[in-house]
Amino acid sequence: MFDFLGLKFNKNKDLKPLIISILGSYLCIFLVILIKSLIVGDTINDVYELAKGLSIFSTIFYGCFCLFQEVLFRGILQRKLSKKFNNIISIIITTILFLICHFNYDIVTVIGAFFISIIAGIMTIKDDNIYKAFFFHWIVGGIGYVFITLAFI
């Protein structure tokens, strides 16, 4: 239906990895929070402040934002550039533009965005589909949020 955007969702093939990815990432995030609270001795208020950013609403909102970025950068821009240039050039140009959109964050986020963009670009070229890139962006970006937040609590 939305193949022109790189959105080719096969519920038989793509639904199980989505569910496993979401549950697995929440488990990883929970374990990181638990380990940090045991080592550092966080109070329940510290853990609560971190967990607010992991609410279902914020997770879904962040997921929608990641989907929008992947449709824009990988589904439209990178796929169009791949037709004019080779795949490496299309990934480089898309990554530069993706990083420009992340320059308002700290340097750790920009570095993370660089690696996410390169890997998501390769995933998109390999499958001619943005779903794996989207799941990767959503999960790795969410886990990155937790690690960055843990550094500042």
C-alpha atoms as a PDB file:
ATOM      1  CA  MET A   1       0.000   0.000   0.000  1.00  0.00           C
ATOM      2  CA  PHE A   2       2.762   2.444   0.956  1.00  0.00           C
ATOM      3  CA  ASP A   3       5.536   0.735  -1.016  1.00  0.00           C
ATOM      4  CA  PHE A   4       6.604   4.064  -2.530  1.00  0.00           C
ATOM      5  CA  LEU A   5       7.688   5.161   0.978  1.00  0.00           C
ATOM      6  CA  GLY A   6       9.606   1.965   1.648  1.00  0.00           C
ATOM      7  CA  LEU A   7       6.833   0.651   3.897  1.00  0.00           C
ATOM      8  CA  LYS A   8       6.307  -2.972   2.927  1.00  0.00           C
ATOM      9  CA  PHE A   9       4.925  -4.567   6.089  1.00  0.00           C
ATOM     10  CA  ASN A  10       4.380  -8.309   6.005  1.00  0.00           C
ATOM     11  CA  LYS A  11       2.474  -9.177   9.180  1.00  0.00           C
ATOM     12  CA  ASN A  12       3.508 -12.844   8.979  1.00  0.00           C
ATOM     13  CA  LYS A  13       7.183 -11.941   8.685  1.00  0.00           C
ATOM     14  CA  ASP A  14       7.540  -8.569  10.465  1.00  0.00           C
ATOM     15  CA  LEU A  15       5.110  -8.738  13.430  1.00  0.00           C
ATOM     16  CA  LYS A  16       7.015 -11.290  15.533  1.00  0.00           C
ATOM     17  CA  PRO A  17      10.362  -9.406  15.333  1.00  0.00           C
ATOM     18  CA  LEU A  18       8.523  -6.186  16.260  1.00  0.00           C
ATOM     19  CA  ILE A  19       6.987  -7.697  19.385  1.00  0.00           C
ATOM     20  CA  ILE A  20      10.237  -9.403  20.410  1.00  0.00           C
ATOM     21  CA  SER A  21      12.182  -6.174  19.798  1.00  0.00           C
ATOM     22  CA  ILE A  22       9.864  -4.058  21.924  1.00  0.00           C
ATOM     23  CA  LEU A  23       9.707  -6.537  24.787  1.00  0.00           C
ATOM     24  CA  GLY A  24      13.438  -7.221  24.612  1.00  0.00           C
ATOM     25  CA  SER A  25      14.316  -3.532  24.659  1.00  0.00           C
ATOM     26  CA  TYR A  26      12.061  -2.883  27.660  1.00  0.00           C
ATOM     27  CA  LEU A  27      13.679  -5.804  29.459  1.00  0.00           C
ATOM     28  CA  CYS A  28      17.167  -4.423  28.706  1.00  0.00           C
ATOM     29  CA  ILE A  29      16.145  -0.955  29.839  1.00  0.00           C
ATOM     30  CA  PHE A  30      14.598  -2.336  33.035  1.00  0.00           C
ATOM     31  CA  LEU A  31      17.765  -4.315  33.804  1.00  0.00           C
ATOM     32  CA  VAL A  32      19.967  -1.253  33.236  1.00  0.00           C
ATOM     33  CA  ILE A  33      17.805   0.818  35.591  1.00  0.00           C
ATOM     34  CA  LEU A  34      17.796  -1.965  38.184  1.00  0.00           C
ATOM     35  CA  ILE A  35      21.574  -2.453  38.031  1.00  0.00           C
ATOM     36  CA  LYS A  36      22.202   1.292  38.260  1.00  0.00           C
ATOM     37  CA  SER A  37      19.867   1.667  41.225  1.00  0.00           C
ATOM     38  CA  LEU A  38      21.573  -1.226  43.037  1.00  0.00           C
ATOM     39  CA  ILE A  39      25.117   0.009  42.350  1.00  0.00           C
ATOM     40  CA  VAL A  40      24.586   3.731  42.904  1.00  0.00           C
ATOM     41  CA  GLY A  41      21.843   3.430  45.483  1.00  0.00           C
ATOM     42  CA  ASP A  42      19.285   5.567  43.674  1.00  0.00           C
ATOM     43  CA  THR A  43      16.225   6.605  45.558  1.00  0.00           C
ATOM     44  CA  ILE A  44      12.792   5.659  44.336  1.00  0.00           C
ATOM     45  CA  ASN A  45      12.370   9.263  43.090  1.00  0.00           C
ATOM     46  CA  ASP A  46      15.454   8.930  40.846  1.00  0.00           C
ATOM     47  CA  VAL A  47      14.108   5.723  39.344  1.00  0.00           C
ATOM     48  CA  TYR A  48      10.654   7.304  38.952  1.00  0.00           C
ATOM     49  CA  GLU A  49      12.095  10.306  37.068  1.00  0.00           C
ATOM     50  CA  LEU A  50      13.855   7.984  34.637  1.00  0.00           C
ATOM     51  CA  ALA A  51      10.813   5.722  34.239  1.00  0.00           C
ATOM     52  CA  LYS A  52       8.584   8.694  33.307  1.00  0.00           C
ATOM     53  CA  GLY A  53      10.433   8.875  30.006  1.00  0.00           C
ATOM     54  CA  LEU A  54       9.699   5.199  29.414  1.00  0.00           C
ATOM     55  CA  SER A  55       5.922   5.425  29.672  1.00  0.00           C
ATOM     56  CA  ILE A  56       3.810   3.736  27.029  1.00  0.00           C
ATOM     57  CA  PHE A  57       2.728   7.138  25.683  1.00  0.00           C
ATOM     58  CA  SER A  58       6.279   8.464  25.357  1.00  0.00           C
ATOM     59  CA  THR A  59       7.438   5.171  23.808  1.00  0.00           C
ATOM     60  CA  ILE A  60       4.673   5.293  21.195  1.00  0.00           C
ATOM     61  CA  PHE A  61       5.298   8.992  20.537  1.00  0.00           C
ATOM     62  CA  TYR A  62       9.019   8.350  20.084  1.00  0.00           C
ATOM     63  CA  GLY A  63       8.209   5.392  17.822  1.00  0.00           C
ATOM     64  CA  CYS A  64       6.007   7.608  15.628  1.00  0.00           C
ATOM     65  CA  PHE A  65       8.793  10.184  15.467  1.00  0.00           C
ATOM     66  CA  CYS A  66      11.308   7.475  14.462  1.00  0.00           C
ATOM     67  CA  LEU A  67       8.911   6.188  11.805  1.00  0.00           C
ATOM     68  CA  PHE A  68       8.524   9.707  10.396  1.00  0.00           C
ATOM     69  CA  GLN A  69      12.314  10.134  10.263  1.00  0.00           C
ATOM     70  CA  GLU A  70      12.834   6.755   8.604  1.00  0.00           C
ATOM     71  CA  VAL A  71      10.133   7.410   5.998  1.00  0.00           C
ATOM     72  CA  LEU A  72      11.656  10.807   5.245  1.00  0.00           C
ATOM     73  CA  PHE A  73      15.354   9.920   5.286  1.00  0.00           C
ATOM     74  CA  ARG A  74      15.422   6.279   4.203  1.00  0.00           C
ATOM     75  CA  GLY A  75      12.061   5.682   2.535  1.00  0.00           C
ATOM     76  CA  ILE A  76      12.044   8.793   0.376  1.00  0.00           C
ATOM     77  CA  LEU A  77      15.443  10.528   0.327  1.00  0.00           C
ATOM     78  CA  GLN A  78      17.861   7.592   0.376  1.00  0.00           C
ATOM     79  CA  ARG A  79      15.830   5.544  -2.099  1.00  0.00           C
ATOM     80  CA  LYS A  80      15.678   8.508  -4.520  1.00  0.00           C
ATOM     81  CA  LEU A  81      19.404   9.180  -4.129  1.00  0.00           C
ATOM     82  CA  SER A  82      20.188   5.497  -4.740  1.00  0.00           C
ATOM     83  CA  LYS A  83      18.650   5.834  -8.185  1.00  0.00           C
ATOM     84  CA  LYS A  84      20.899   8.806  -9.060  1.00  0.00           C
ATOM     85  CA  PHE A  85      24.086   7.768  -7.241  1.00  0.00           C
ATOM     86  CA  ASN A  86      25.485   4.543  -5.883  1.00  0.00           C
ATOM     87  CA  ASN A  87      24.312   3.147  -2.547  1.00  0.00           C
ATOM     88  CA  ILE A  88      27.337   4.368  -0.576  1.00  0.00           C
ATOM     89  CA  ILE A  89      26.886   7.973  -1.725  1.00  0.00           C
ATOM     90  CA  SER A  90      23.159   7.819  -0.936  1.00  0.00           C
ATOM     91  CA  ILE A  91      23.886   6.579   2.605  1.00  0.00           C
ATOM     92  CA  ILE A  92      26.530   9.302   3.145  1.00  0.00           C
ATOM     93  CA  ILE A  93      24.259  12.134   1.964  1.00  0.00           C
ATOM     94  CA  THR A  94      21.312  10.800   3.984  1.00  0.00           C
ATOM     95  CA  THR A  95      23.492  10.418   7.080  1.00  0.00           C
ATOM     96  CA  ILE A  96      24.779  13.998   6.807  1.00  0.00           C
ATOM     97  CA  LEU A  97      21.216  15.328   6.594  1.00  0.00           C
ATOM     98  CA  PHE A  98      20.112  13.033   9.434  1.00  0.00           C
ATOM     99  CA  LEU A  99      22.951  14.377  11.612  1.00  0.00           C
ATOM    100  CA  ILE A 100      22.033  17.987  10.849  1.00  0.00           C
ATOM    101  CA  CYS A 101      18.610  17.243  12.343  1.00  0.00           C
ATOM    102  CA  HIS A 102      20.302  15.949  15.511  1.00  0.00           C
ATOM    103  CA  PHE A 103      22.831  18.762  16.087  1.00  0.00           C
ATOM    104  CA  ASN A 104      20.617  20.404  18.699  1.00  0.00           C
ATOM    105  CA  TYR A 105      21.347  17.441  21.010  1.00  0.00           C
ATOM    106  CA  ASP A 106      24.537  16.651  22.923  1.00  0.00           C
ATOM    107  CA  ILE A 107      27.572  15.124  21.215  1.00  0.00           C
ATOM    108  CA  VAL A 108      26.822  11.615  22.498  1.00  0.00           C
ATOM    109  CA  THR A 109      23.411  11.717  20.774  1.00  0.00           C
ATOM    110  CA  VAL A 110      24.963  12.998  17.541  1.00  0.00           C
ATOM    111  CA  ILE A 111      27.525  10.180  17.550  1.00  0.00           C
ATOM    112  CA  GLY A 112      24.764   7.654  18.235  1.00  0.00           C
ATOM    113  CA  ALA A 113      22.669   9.153  15.421  1.00  0.00           C
ATOM    114  CA  PHE A 114      25.624   8.746  13.064  1.00  0.00           C
ATOM    115  CA  PHE A 115      25.883   5.008  13.728  1.00  0.00           C
ATOM    116  CA  ILE A 116      22.108   4.528  13.681  1.00  0.00           C
ATOM    117  CA  SER A 117      21.929   6.283  10.327  1.00  0.00           C
ATOM    118  CA  ILE A 118      24.710   4.253   8.722  1.00  0.00           C
ATOM    119  CA  ILE A 119      23.293   0.933   9.927  1.00  0.00           C
ATOM    120  CA  ALA A 120      19.698   1.906   9.059  1.00  0.00           C
ATOM    121  CA  GLY A 121      20.859   2.945   5.587  1.00  0.00           C
ATOM    122  CA  ILE A 122      22.506  -0.423   5.015  1.00  0.00           C
ATOM    123  CA  MET A 123      19.399  -2.238   6.293  1.00  0.00           C
ATOM    124  CA  THR A 124      17.192  -0.255   3.928  1.00  0.00           C
ATOM    125  CA  ILE A 125      19.358  -0.993   0.901  1.00  0.00           C
ATOM    126  CA  LYS A 126      19.617  -4.676   1.797  1.00  0.00           C
ATOM    127  CA  ASP A 127      15.843  -5.195   2.130  1.00  0.00           C
ATOM    128  CA  ASP A 128      14.453  -2.266   0.095  1.00  0.00           C
ATOM    129  CA  ASN A 129      12.245  -1.784   3.124  1.00  0.00           C
ATOM    130  CA  ILE A 130      12.448   0.607   6.074  1.00  0.00           C
ATOM    131  CA  TYR A 131      10.773  -1.517   8.754  1.00  0.00           C
ATOM    132  CA  LYS A 132      13.953  -3.106  10.087  1.00  0.00           C
ATOM    133  CA  ALA A 133      15.654   0.293  10.020  1.00  0.00           C
ATOM    134  CA  PHE A 134      12.675   1.763  11.857  1.00  0.00           C
ATOM    135  CA  PHE A 135      12.686  -0.948  14.549  1.00  0.00           C
ATOM    136  CA  PHE A 136      16.446  -0.558  14.932  1.00  0.00           C
ATOM    137  CA  HIS A 137      16.183   3.246  15.220  1.00  0.00           C
ATOM    138  CA  TRP A 138      13.314   3.011  17.701  1.00  0.00           C
ATOM    139  CA  ILE A 139      14.931   0.457  19.981  1.00  0.00           C
ATOM    140  CA  VAL A 140      18.549   1.617  19.873  1.00  0.00           C
ATOM    141  CA  GLY A 141      17.481   5.261  20.194  1.00  0.00           C
ATOM    142  CA  GLY A 142      15.305   4.370  23.188  1.00  0.00           C
ATOM    143  CA  ILE A 143      18.089   2.448  24.887  1.00  0.00           C
ATOM    144  CA  GLY A 144      20.458   5.324  24.104  1.00  0.00           C
ATOM    145  CA  TYR A 145      18.021   7.689  25.811  1.00  0.00           C
ATOM    146  CA  VAL A 146      18.187   5.544  28.942  1.00  0.00           C
ATOM    147  CA  PHE A 147      21.994   5.499  28.989  1.00  0.00           C
ATOM    148  CA  ILE A 148      22.231   9.259  28.440  1.00  0.00           C
ATOM    149  CA  THR A 149      19.589   9.864  31.106  1.00  0.00           C
ATOM    150  CA  LEU A 150      21.397   7.565  33.530  1.00  0.00           C
ATOM    151  CA  ALA A 151      24.541   9.625  33.104  1.00  0.00           C
ATOM    152  CA  PHE A 152      22.752  12.782  34.232  1.00  0.00           C
ATOM    153  CA  ILE A 153      20.604  11.487  37.118  1.00  0.00           C
END
